[in-house]
C-alpha cells in the first residue's frame, strides 16, 4: 500500500529533522520525505494535522512472557500493547520457560511473532545454559537463530571466571553482553532501596554498593577482554558516575534506565504499594535526579520500558511477597515526554530529545536498522498527539499485566496510529 502522511510534525532525530514535512510510503518503505517521488499516487492519505510523526519506538526490555508464563501475559496481548504504545521494535530478555538457550526456542519465538505481523521481536540469548551461571551457551548458533546479544536477565553469575570466559568469547565474535549490575550477595534478600524509607517501613534493603561493586567488576573484565557491554537498568547516582568515567576512559559500554526510574523514588512505595515493587528498587531522590542528568549529558543512552507484566495472584500481596515488575510498553512514550517536559526548555527541542532516547539511540545500541525514517528505510512509524493527556488505568492498557505504579496518573502524549513496515497495525478509534 502507498501512503501519504501529510501535515504532520516530522521528528526524526537520526536525520536531524524536526519540523513540518510530509512522508511518503510504498511497499513497506519510506520513499519520500518532504517531497513525493516521481509518479507517486497514494492509495490512502493520512491527515496528521496536530500530530507528531516519528519513527516507531525501539524498546530494549520487553518481557513477552512466552514461552512458559502465559498466565501472566500472551504474545498476542503484549504485541497489541506494543502497537498501542507505538513500539515497533522490541528486545526481549531470555528468562522465559524454557530459557532462550537453544536455537529452536529462539526460532519458534520469532516465528510466532512474525505470524502476528506486528512489532519486530529481537530476542536476547541466554549467556549461560539455563541461566544457571555455569556452562556457556552456543552463542554462534543462537546468533544465527536471531539473537542480538546475550544476557543473564536478573540471574547473577556467581563465578566471575565464567563471566570472564563469556566476555572473552563474546569479544572474539563481536557479540554484545547485556548485564544488569547487581552483586549476587549484597542485598540478596532486599526488596527496597537501603535508606530511611526502607528502615521506617521495616523492609530489607538493597544498598547502592550492590550496583557499584558489580560495575567495578564488569569494567575490570572489560579492560581485560575488550568485550562490548550494555548495562541494563542503572539505578543510582554512584553507578551513573562510574559509567560516566568508563565512557571517558573509552570502554565500549552503553547503558539504559527503566522509564519508571526516571520519575519515581523510594518514597513512592507509600504505604507498601506492591505496584511499586520493581527490580532494581526505586532509589532516593538524588539518584533519580542523577538519572535525569545522565540522560541529558548522554551518560545514559536509552530509556526503556522494562516491561514486566505480573498477574494479580503474584502482585496483590503484601509488599515483601509480591513479585517485582510493572507493565510499561504503553507508558514508554508518555514517560519519555514527561521527562523532557520537566527537564528541558523549548530551546533544547524537548520532543526531539525525548524521541531520540526511545528510537535512534536505542536502535544504535542494538545495531538495528530501525528508529529512523530515511528514504529507503522500513516504514515503522508512530503518530502521536503530544497535546493529549490520558489517565493510566487498567481499562486503558492492552497488556495483560495491569500493574504499574503510575495507575491514576495523567500523562502527556497519546499514540493515534502505529505503522509497521508500511501497514497500519494500530489506529485509535474516535481519535
Protein backbone atom coordinates (compact mmCIF):
# COMPACT_ATOMS: atom_id res chain seq x y z
CA UNK A 1 0.00 0.00 0.00
CA UNK A 2 1.13 3.52 -0.82
CA UNK A 3 0.54 6.01 1.98
CA UNK A 4 0.74 9.78 2.03
CA UNK A 5 1.09 11.16 5.57
CA UNK A 6 0.54 14.90 5.34
CA UNK A 7 0.55 17.98 7.57
CA UNK A 8 2.38 16.24 10.39
CA UNK A 9 5.26 17.50 12.53
CA UNK A 10 8.01 15.10 11.49
CA UNK A 11 10.61 14.36 14.16
CA UNK A 12 13.45 12.09 13.08
CA UNK A 13 16.42 12.63 15.43
CA UNK A 14 18.68 10.27 13.44
CA UNK A 15 18.46 12.62 10.47
CA UNK A 16 18.16 15.89 12.37
CA UNK A 17 14.59 16.54 11.20
CA UNK A 18 12.24 18.49 13.47
CA UNK A 19 9.58 20.35 11.52
CA UNK A 20 6.54 20.04 9.32
CA UNK A 21 7.22 17.62 6.48
CA UNK A 22 5.08 15.16 4.58
CA UNK A 23 6.03 11.49 4.43
CA UNK A 24 5.52 9.05 1.56
CA UNK A 25 5.43 5.27 1.98
CA UNK A 26 5.31 2.49 -0.62
CA UNK A 27 5.99 -1.26 -0.49
CA UNK A 28 6.67 -1.08 3.23
CA UNK A 29 9.43 1.51 2.96
CA UNK A 30 9.84 5.26 3.18
CA UNK A 31 10.10 6.54 -0.38
CA UNK A 32 9.93 10.29 0.19
CA UNK A 33 10.46 12.86 2.93
CA UNK A 34 9.10 16.34 2.25
CA UNK A 35 8.63 15.74 -1.47
CA UNK A 36 6.81 12.96 -3.28
CA UNK A 37 8.86 10.70 -5.54
CA UNK A 38 8.12 10.94 -9.25
CA UNK A 39 4.87 9.28 -10.22
CA UNK A 40 3.75 8.63 -6.63
CA UNK A 41 0.00 8.07 -6.28
CA UNK A 42 -1.31 7.34 -2.79
CA UNK A 43 -3.77 4.56 -2.05
CA UNK A 44 -4.53 6.25 1.26
CA UNK A 45 -3.88 9.69 2.71
CA UNK A 46 -3.47 10.14 6.45
CA UNK A 47 -4.03 13.66 7.75
CA UNK A 48 -1.55 14.12 10.60
CA UNK A 49 -2.51 17.71 11.41
CA UNK A 50 -1.64 18.41 15.05
CA UNK A 51 0.25 15.13 15.35
CA UNK A 52 3.91 14.24 15.62
CA UNK A 53 5.13 11.76 13.02
CA UNK A 54 8.09 9.86 14.47
CA UNK A 55 9.97 6.62 13.88
CA UNK A 56 8.42 3.60 15.57
CA UNK A 57 9.74 3.27 19.11
CA UNK A 58 12.55 0.83 19.93
CA UNK A 59 12.21 -0.75 23.40
CA UNK A 60 15.24 -2.53 24.86
CA UNK A 61 13.48 -4.56 27.55
CA UNK A 62 10.11 -6.22 26.99
CA UNK A 63 9.19 -9.46 28.71
CA UNK A 64 6.64 -11.08 26.42
CA UNK A 65 6.14 -13.93 28.92
CA UNK A 66 6.16 -16.57 26.20
CA UNK A 67 7.02 -19.35 26.35
CA UNK A 68 6.11 -20.58 29.81
CA UNK A 69 4.36 -17.71 31.57
CA UNK A 70 1.20 -17.32 29.50
CA UNK A 71 -0.84 -16.90 32.70
CA UNK A 72 0.95 -13.57 33.15
CA UNK A 73 0.72 -12.44 29.53
CA UNK A 74 0.50 -13.79 25.99
CA UNK A 75 2.35 -12.85 22.88
CA UNK A 76 -0.92 -11.57 21.40
CA UNK A 77 -1.73 -9.30 24.34
CA UNK A 78 1.76 -7.83 24.64
CA UNK A 79 2.17 -7.26 20.92
CA UNK A 80 -1.13 -5.38 20.95
CA UNK A 81 0.19 -3.35 23.88
CA UNK A 82 3.28 -2.58 21.82
CA UNK A 83 1.11 -1.30 18.99
CA UNK A 84 -0.91 0.90 21.36
CA UNK A 85 2.35 2.25 22.72
CA UNK A 86 3.88 2.96 19.30
CA UNK A 87 6.63 0.36 19.86
CA UNK A 88 7.57 -1.30 16.57
CA UNK A 89 10.85 -2.97 17.57
CA UNK A 90 11.47 -4.67 20.89
CA UNK A 91 14.20 -6.66 22.59
CA UNK A 92 13.09 -9.48 24.88
CA UNK A 93 15.22 -10.98 27.69
CA UNK A 94 15.91 -14.73 27.77
CA UNK A 95 14.27 -15.54 31.13
CA UNK A 96 11.33 -17.46 29.70
CA UNK A 97 10.42 -21.07 30.50
CA UNK A 98 12.22 -22.81 28.95
CA UNK A 99 15.06 -20.31 28.88
CA UNK A 100 16.13 -19.00 25.45
CA UNK A 101 19.33 -21.02 25.40
CA UNK A 102 18.66 -23.15 22.31
CA UNK A 103 18.29 -22.01 18.67
CA UNK A 104 14.98 -23.83 18.23
CA UNK A 105 13.34 -21.85 21.03
CA UNK A 106 14.56 -18.57 19.55
CA UNK A 107 13.33 -19.51 16.09
CA UNK A 108 9.94 -20.52 17.48
CA UNK A 109 9.51 -17.20 19.26
CA UNK A 110 10.46 -15.21 16.18
CA UNK A 111 8.15 -17.33 14.01
CA UNK A 112 5.22 -16.74 16.37
CA UNK A 113 5.94 -13.01 16.42
CA UNK A 114 6.16 -12.78 12.62
CA UNK A 115 2.80 -14.50 12.35
CA UNK A 116 1.15 -11.67 14.28
CA UNK A 117 2.56 -9.13 11.79
CA UNK A 118 3.07 -6.51 14.47
CA UNK A 119 6.24 -5.44 16.27
CA UNK A 120 9.64 -6.77 15.23
CA UNK A 121 10.97 -9.03 18.00
CA UNK A 122 14.70 -9.28 18.74
CA UNK A 123 15.50 -11.90 21.40
CA UNK A 124 18.48 -11.88 23.70
CA UNK A 125 20.02 -15.32 24.08
CA UNK A 126 20.94 -16.74 27.47
CA UNK A 127 24.58 -16.17 28.33
CA UNK A 128 24.76 -19.45 30.24
CA UNK A 129 22.76 -22.67 29.88
CA UNK A 130 19.51 -22.37 31.80
CA UNK A 131 20.74 -19.01 33.16
CA UNK A 132 22.46 -21.09 35.85
CA UNK A 133 25.76 -19.22 35.56
CA UNK A 134 27.85 -22.30 34.82
CA UNK A 135 28.21 -23.54 31.22
CA UNK A 136 28.27 -21.04 28.34
CA UNK A 137 25.62 -21.33 25.65
CA UNK A 138 26.38 -21.86 21.96
CA UNK A 139 26.40 -18.15 21.18
CA UNK A 140 27.22 -18.57 17.49
CA UNK A 141 24.21 -20.84 16.92
CA UNK A 142 21.93 -18.54 18.90
CA UNK A 143 23.10 -15.57 16.85
CA UNK A 144 22.30 -17.43 13.64
CA UNK A 145 18.82 -18.11 15.06
CA UNK A 146 18.26 -14.38 15.53
CA UNK A 147 19.66 -13.32 18.92
CA UNK A 148 21.02 -9.76 19.04
CA UNK A 149 23.03 -10.18 22.25
CA UNK A 150 23.45 -12.32 25.34
CA UNK A 151 22.12 -11.77 28.82
CA UNK A 152 21.60 -13.33 32.22
CA UNK A 153 18.42 -11.26 32.75
CA UNK A 154 18.18 -10.94 36.55
CA UNK A 155 20.06 -14.19 37.27
CA UNK A 156 23.57 -13.44 38.58
CA UNK A 157 26.72 -15.34 37.65
CA UNK A 158 28.30 -16.31 40.96
CA UNK A 159 31.61 -17.43 39.44
CA UNK A 160 33.47 -14.46 37.99
CA UNK A 161 35.61 -16.84 35.94
CA UNK A 162 32.52 -17.87 33.99
CA UNK A 163 31.71 -14.23 33.24
CA UNK A 164 35.32 -13.65 32.15
CA UNK A 165 35.13 -16.56 29.70
CA UNK A 166 31.76 -15.41 28.41
CA UNK A 167 33.14 -11.93 27.71
CA UNK A 168 36.26 -13.36 26.05
CA UNK A 169 34.08 -15.47 23.77
CA UNK A 170 31.76 -12.53 23.02
CA UNK A 171 34.72 -10.29 22.15
CA UNK A 172 36.13 -12.92 19.76
CA UNK A 173 32.93 -12.99 17.70
CA UNK A 174 31.81 -9.40 18.17
CA UNK A 175 28.79 -10.11 20.35
CA UNK A 176 27.40 -7.72 22.95
CA UNK A 177 26.93 -8.90 26.54
CA UNK A 178 23.92 -7.39 28.33
CA UNK A 179 24.40 -7.28 32.09
CA UNK A 180 22.37 -5.90 34.97
CA UNK A 181 24.89 -4.67 37.55
CA UNK A 182 23.85 -6.28 40.82
CA UNK A 183 26.20 -8.00 43.23
CA UNK A 184 24.77 -11.51 43.79
CA UNK A 185 25.33 -11.39 47.54
CA UNK A 186 24.85 -7.81 48.74
CA UNK A 187 21.16 -7.08 49.13
CA UNK A 188 20.31 -10.61 48.01
CA UNK A 189 17.16 -10.65 50.16
CA UNK A 190 16.47 -6.93 49.80
CA UNK A 191 13.29 -5.56 48.30
CA UNK A 192 13.67 -1.78 48.70
CA UNK A 193 16.43 0.82 48.48
CA UNK A 194 18.57 0.85 51.62
CA UNK A 195 17.68 4.12 53.26
CA UNK A 196 15.36 5.92 55.62
CA UNK A 197 12.18 4.80 53.86
CA UNK A 198 13.07 1.11 53.97
CA UNK A 199 14.09 1.42 57.62
CA UNK A 200 10.85 3.16 58.55
CA UNK A 201 8.76 0.54 56.74
CA UNK A 202 10.80 -2.35 58.09
CA UNK A 203 11.78 -3.58 54.63
CA UNK A 204 15.12 -5.30 53.91
CA UNK A 205 17.29 -3.07 51.78
CA UNK A 206 19.36 -3.26 48.60
CA UNK A 207 22.38 -0.96 49.05
CA UNK A 208 23.77 1.19 46.25
CA UNK A 209 27.08 -0.59 46.58
CA UNK A 210 25.41 -3.75 45.25
CA UNK A 211 25.32 -1.89 41.94
CA UNK A 212 28.69 -0.14 42.17
CA UNK A 213 30.68 -3.25 43.19
CA UNK A 214 29.18 -5.12 40.24
CA UNK A 215 30.11 -2.23 37.94
CA UNK A 216 33.72 -2.24 39.14
CA UNK A 217 33.89 -5.97 38.35
CA UNK A 218 32.31 -5.55 34.90
CA UNK A 219 34.61 -2.68 33.94
CA UNK A 220 37.73 -4.56 35.06
CA UNK A 221 36.66 -7.55 32.94
CA UNK A 222 36.02 -5.19 30.01
CA UNK A 223 39.54 -3.79 30.32
CA UNK A 224 40.90 -7.32 30.23
CA UNK A 225 38.76 -8.71 27.41
CA UNK A 226 37.77 -5.69 25.31
CA UNK A 227 34.21 -7.03 25.16
CA UNK A 228 31.32 -4.68 24.46
CA UNK A 229 28.80 -4.49 27.31
CA UNK A 230 25.35 -2.98 27.56
CA UNK A 231 24.36 -2.21 31.14
CA UNK A 232 20.68 -2.76 31.91
CA UNK A 233 18.69 -0.67 34.41
CA UNK A 234 21.24 1.63 36.00
CA UNK A 235 19.58 2.98 39.14
CA UNK A 236 21.98 5.00 41.32
CA UNK A 237 23.91 8.26 41.24
CA UNK A 238 27.12 6.47 42.18
CA UNK A 239 26.58 3.90 39.42
CA UNK A 240 25.98 6.60 36.84
CA UNK A 241 29.20 8.34 37.85
CA UNK A 242 31.12 5.10 37.31
CA UNK A 243 29.56 4.69 33.85
CA UNK A 244 30.45 8.29 33.03
CA UNK A 245 34.07 7.64 33.96
CA UNK A 246 34.13 4.38 31.98
CA UNK A 247 32.89 6.15 28.87
CA UNK A 248 35.51 8.88 29.26
CA UNK A 249 38.11 6.11 29.54
CA UNK A 250 36.90 4.78 26.20
CA UNK A 251 35.42 1.47 27.31
CA UNK A 252 32.85 0.10 24.81
CA UNK A 253 29.88 0.44 27.17
CA UNK A 254 26.31 1.66 26.82
CA UNK A 255 23.50 1.70 29.36
CA UNK A 256 19.77 2.15 29.78
CA UNK A 257 17.35 3.11 32.52
CA UNK A 258 13.79 1.96 33.15
CA UNK A 259 11.25 4.68 32.33
CA UNK A 260 9.69 4.44 35.79
CA UNK A 261 13.07 5.12 37.45
CA UNK A 262 13.24 8.45 35.61
CA UNK A 263 10.31 9.69 37.69
CA UNK A 264 9.81 7.74 40.92
CA UNK A 265 11.77 7.37 44.16
CA UNK A 266 11.61 5.09 47.19
CA UNK A 267 9.05 7.40 48.78
CA UNK A 268 6.60 6.30 46.08
CA UNK A 269 6.33 2.95 47.82
CA UNK A 270 3.89 4.86 50.02
CA UNK A 271 2.13 2.51 52.38
CA UNK A 272 3.52 -0.70 50.91
CA UNK A 273 2.13 -0.25 47.39
CA UNK A 274 3.08 -3.52 45.68
CA UNK A 275 2.74 -1.83 42.28
CA UNK A 276 5.95 0.00 43.24
CA UNK A 277 7.83 -3.28 43.82
CA UNK A 278 10.31 -3.29 40.97
CA UNK A 279 13.82 -4.59 40.34
CA UNK A 280 16.12 -2.72 40.81
CA UNK A 281 14.20 -0.85 43.52
CA UNK A 282 13.32 2.82 43.31
CA UNK A 283 16.13 4.73 44.95
CA UNK A 284 16.49 8.12 46.64
CA UNK A 285 15.69 11.48 45.07
CA UNK A 286 19.39 12.24 44.50
CA UNK A 287 19.59 9.04 42.45
CA UNK A 288 16.50 9.97 40.45
CA UNK A 289 17.97 13.43 39.80
CA UNK A 290 21.26 11.85 38.69
CA UNK A 291 19.36 9.63 36.24
CA UNK A 292 17.78 12.71 34.69
CA UNK A 293 21.14 14.44 34.43
CA UNK A 294 22.69 11.30 32.95
CA UNK A 295 20.05 11.28 30.24
CA UNK A 296 20.74 14.93 29.47
CA UNK A 297 24.52 14.59 29.17
CA UNK A 298 24.44 11.27 27.30
CA UNK A 299 25.86 9.07 30.03
CA UNK A 300 22.61 7.09 29.89
CA UNK A 301 21.97 6.17 26.28
CA UNK A 302 18.41 4.87 26.32
CA UNK A 303 15.10 4.91 28.16
CA UNK A 304 13.36 1.52 28.05
CA UNK A 305 10.01 0.38 29.40
CA UNK A 306 11.40 -2.58 31.41
CA UNK A 307 8.00 -4.10 30.63
CA UNK A 308 7.38 -6.94 33.09
CA UNK A 309 3.71 -7.97 33.25
CA UNK A 310 2.72 -9.63 36.53
CA UNK A 311 -0.63 -11.29 37.22
CA UNK A 312 -2.94 -10.43 40.13
CA UNK A 313 -2.08 -13.56 42.11
CA UNK A 314 1.57 -12.52 42.30
CA UNK A 315 1.05 -8.77 42.69
CA UNK A 316 -1.90 -8.32 45.03
CA UNK A 317 0.12 -9.49 48.02
CA UNK A 318 1.99 -7.83 50.89
CA UNK A 319 4.87 -5.75 49.51
CA UNK A 320 7.57 -8.19 50.55
CA UNK A 321 5.78 -11.17 48.99
CA UNK A 322 4.68 -9.54 45.72
CA UNK A 323 6.58 -10.31 42.53
CA UNK A 324 8.67 -7.40 41.23
CA UNK A 325 7.71 -5.89 37.90
CA UNK A 326 5.47 -3.37 36.19
CA UNK A 327 3.82 -3.00 32.81
CA UNK A 328 5.42 -0.30 30.70
CA UNK A 329 5.03 -0.77 26.93
CA UNK A 330 2.13 1.65 26.67
CA UNK A 331 3.77 4.15 29.05
CA UNK A 332 7.20 4.43 27.41
CA UNK A 333 6.36 7.31 25.08
CA UNK A 334 4.44 9.28 27.70
CA UNK A 335 7.08 8.86 30.39
CA UNK A 336 9.81 9.94 27.98
CA UNK A 337 7.78 13.02 27.06
CA UNK A 338 7.15 13.76 30.73
CA UNK A 339 10.90 13.63 31.40
CA UNK A 340 11.60 16.04 28.54
CA UNK A 341 8.83 18.41 29.60
CA UNK A 342 10.21 18.58 33.13
CA UNK A 343 13.93 18.63 32.28
CA UNK A 344 14.32 20.67 29.10
CA UNK A 345 13.27 24.07 27.88
CA UNK A 346 11.95 24.72 24.38
CA UNK A 347 15.33 25.88 23.08
CA UNK A 348 16.59 22.32 23.61
CA UNK A 349 13.82 20.78 21.47
CA UNK A 350 12.40 18.57 24.22
CA UNK A 351 10.26 16.46 21.86
CA UNK A 352 13.20 15.58 19.67
CA UNK A 353 15.46 14.80 22.65
CA UNK A 354 12.84 12.52 24.18
CA UNK A 355 12.13 10.68 20.95
CA UNK A 356 15.85 10.12 20.31
CA UNK A 357 16.17 8.21 23.60
CA UNK A 358 13.46 5.74 22.57
CA UNK A 359 14.20 5.44 18.83
CA UNK A 360 17.55 6.20 17.21
CA UNK A 361 19.68 5.89 20.35
CA UNK A 362 18.08 2.55 21.26
CA UNK A 363 18.49 1.20 17.73
CA UNK A 364 22.17 2.19 17.75
CA UNK A 365 22.80 0.22 20.95
CA UNK A 366 21.43 -2.97 19.37
CA UNK A 367 22.77 -2.27 15.89
CA UNK A 368 19.34 -2.28 14.30
CA UNK A 369 18.32 -0.61 11.06
CA UNK A 370 15.39 1.00 12.88
CA UNK A 371 14.46 4.13 14.79
CA UNK A 372 14.78 6.44 11.78
CA UNK A 373 12.85 7.48 8.69
CA UNK A 374 15.49 7.82 5.99
CA UNK A 375 14.41 7.28 2.39
CA UNK A 376 14.70 3.55 1.77
CA UNK A 377 14.25 2.56 5.42
CA UNK A 378 11.49 0.27 6.67
CA UNK A 379 8.35 2.32 7.29
CA UNK A 380 7.93 1.75 11.03
CA UNK A 381 6.12 4.88 12.14
CA UNK A 382 4.43 6.23 15.26
CA UNK A 383 1.87 9.03 15.03
CA UNK A 384 1.01 10.62 18.36
CA UNK A 385 -0.70 13.70 19.75
CA UNK A 386 1.70 15.45 22.14
CA UNK A 387 -1.08 17.69 23.45
CA UNK A 388 -3.45 14.94 24.56
CA UNK A 389 -3.26 13.84 28.18
CA UNK A 390 -4.58 10.47 29.25
CA UNK A 391 -5.13 8.76 32.59
CA UNK A 392 -3.39 5.46 33.24
CA UNK A 393 -5.94 2.81 34.21
CA UNK A 394 -6.26 -0.95 33.88
CA UNK A 395 -9.00 -0.46 31.29
CA UNK A 396 -6.75 1.77 29.17
CA UNK A 397 -3.99 -0.86 28.93
CA UNK A 398 -3.98 -3.61 26.31
CA UNK A 399 -1.26 -5.52 28.16
CA UNK A 400 -2.42 -8.48 30.19
CA UNK A 401 -0.33 -7.03 33.01
CA UNK A 402 -2.32 -4.19 34.57
CA UNK A 403 0.03 -3.34 37.40
CA UNK A 404 2.07 -0.14 37.29
CA UNK A 405 2.97 2.46 39.91
CA UNK A 406 1.53 5.07 37.52
CA UNK A 407 -2.09 3.93 37.87
CA UNK A 408 -4.20 7.06 38.22
CA UNK A 409 -1.50 9.36 36.81
CA UNK A 410 -2.34 11.74 33.99
CA UNK A 411 0.42 11.53 31.36
CA UNK A 412 1.19 13.52 28.19
CA UNK A 413 1.11 12.13 24.66
CA UNK A 414 -1.23 9.58 23.15
CA UNK A 415 -0.47 7.30 20.21
CA UNK A 416 -3.00 7.73 17.41
CA UNK A 417 -1.60 5.22 14.91
CA UNK A 418 1.26 2.76 14.57
CA UNK A 419 2.59 1.58 11.21
CA UNK A 420 4.77 -1.50 10.87
CA UNK A 421 6.55 -1.98 7.54
CA UNK A 422 4.06 0.35 5.91
CA UNK A 423 0.83 -1.24 7.10
CA UNK A 424 -1.42 0.36 9.70
CA UNK A 425 -1.12 -2.09 12.62
CA UNK A 426 -2.98 0.12 15.11
CA UNK A 427 -5.29 3.08 14.75
CA UNK A 428 -7.06 4.64 17.70
CA UNK A 429 -10.77 4.88 17.10
CA UNK A 430 -12.61 8.15 17.60
CA UNK A 431 -9.28 9.93 17.63
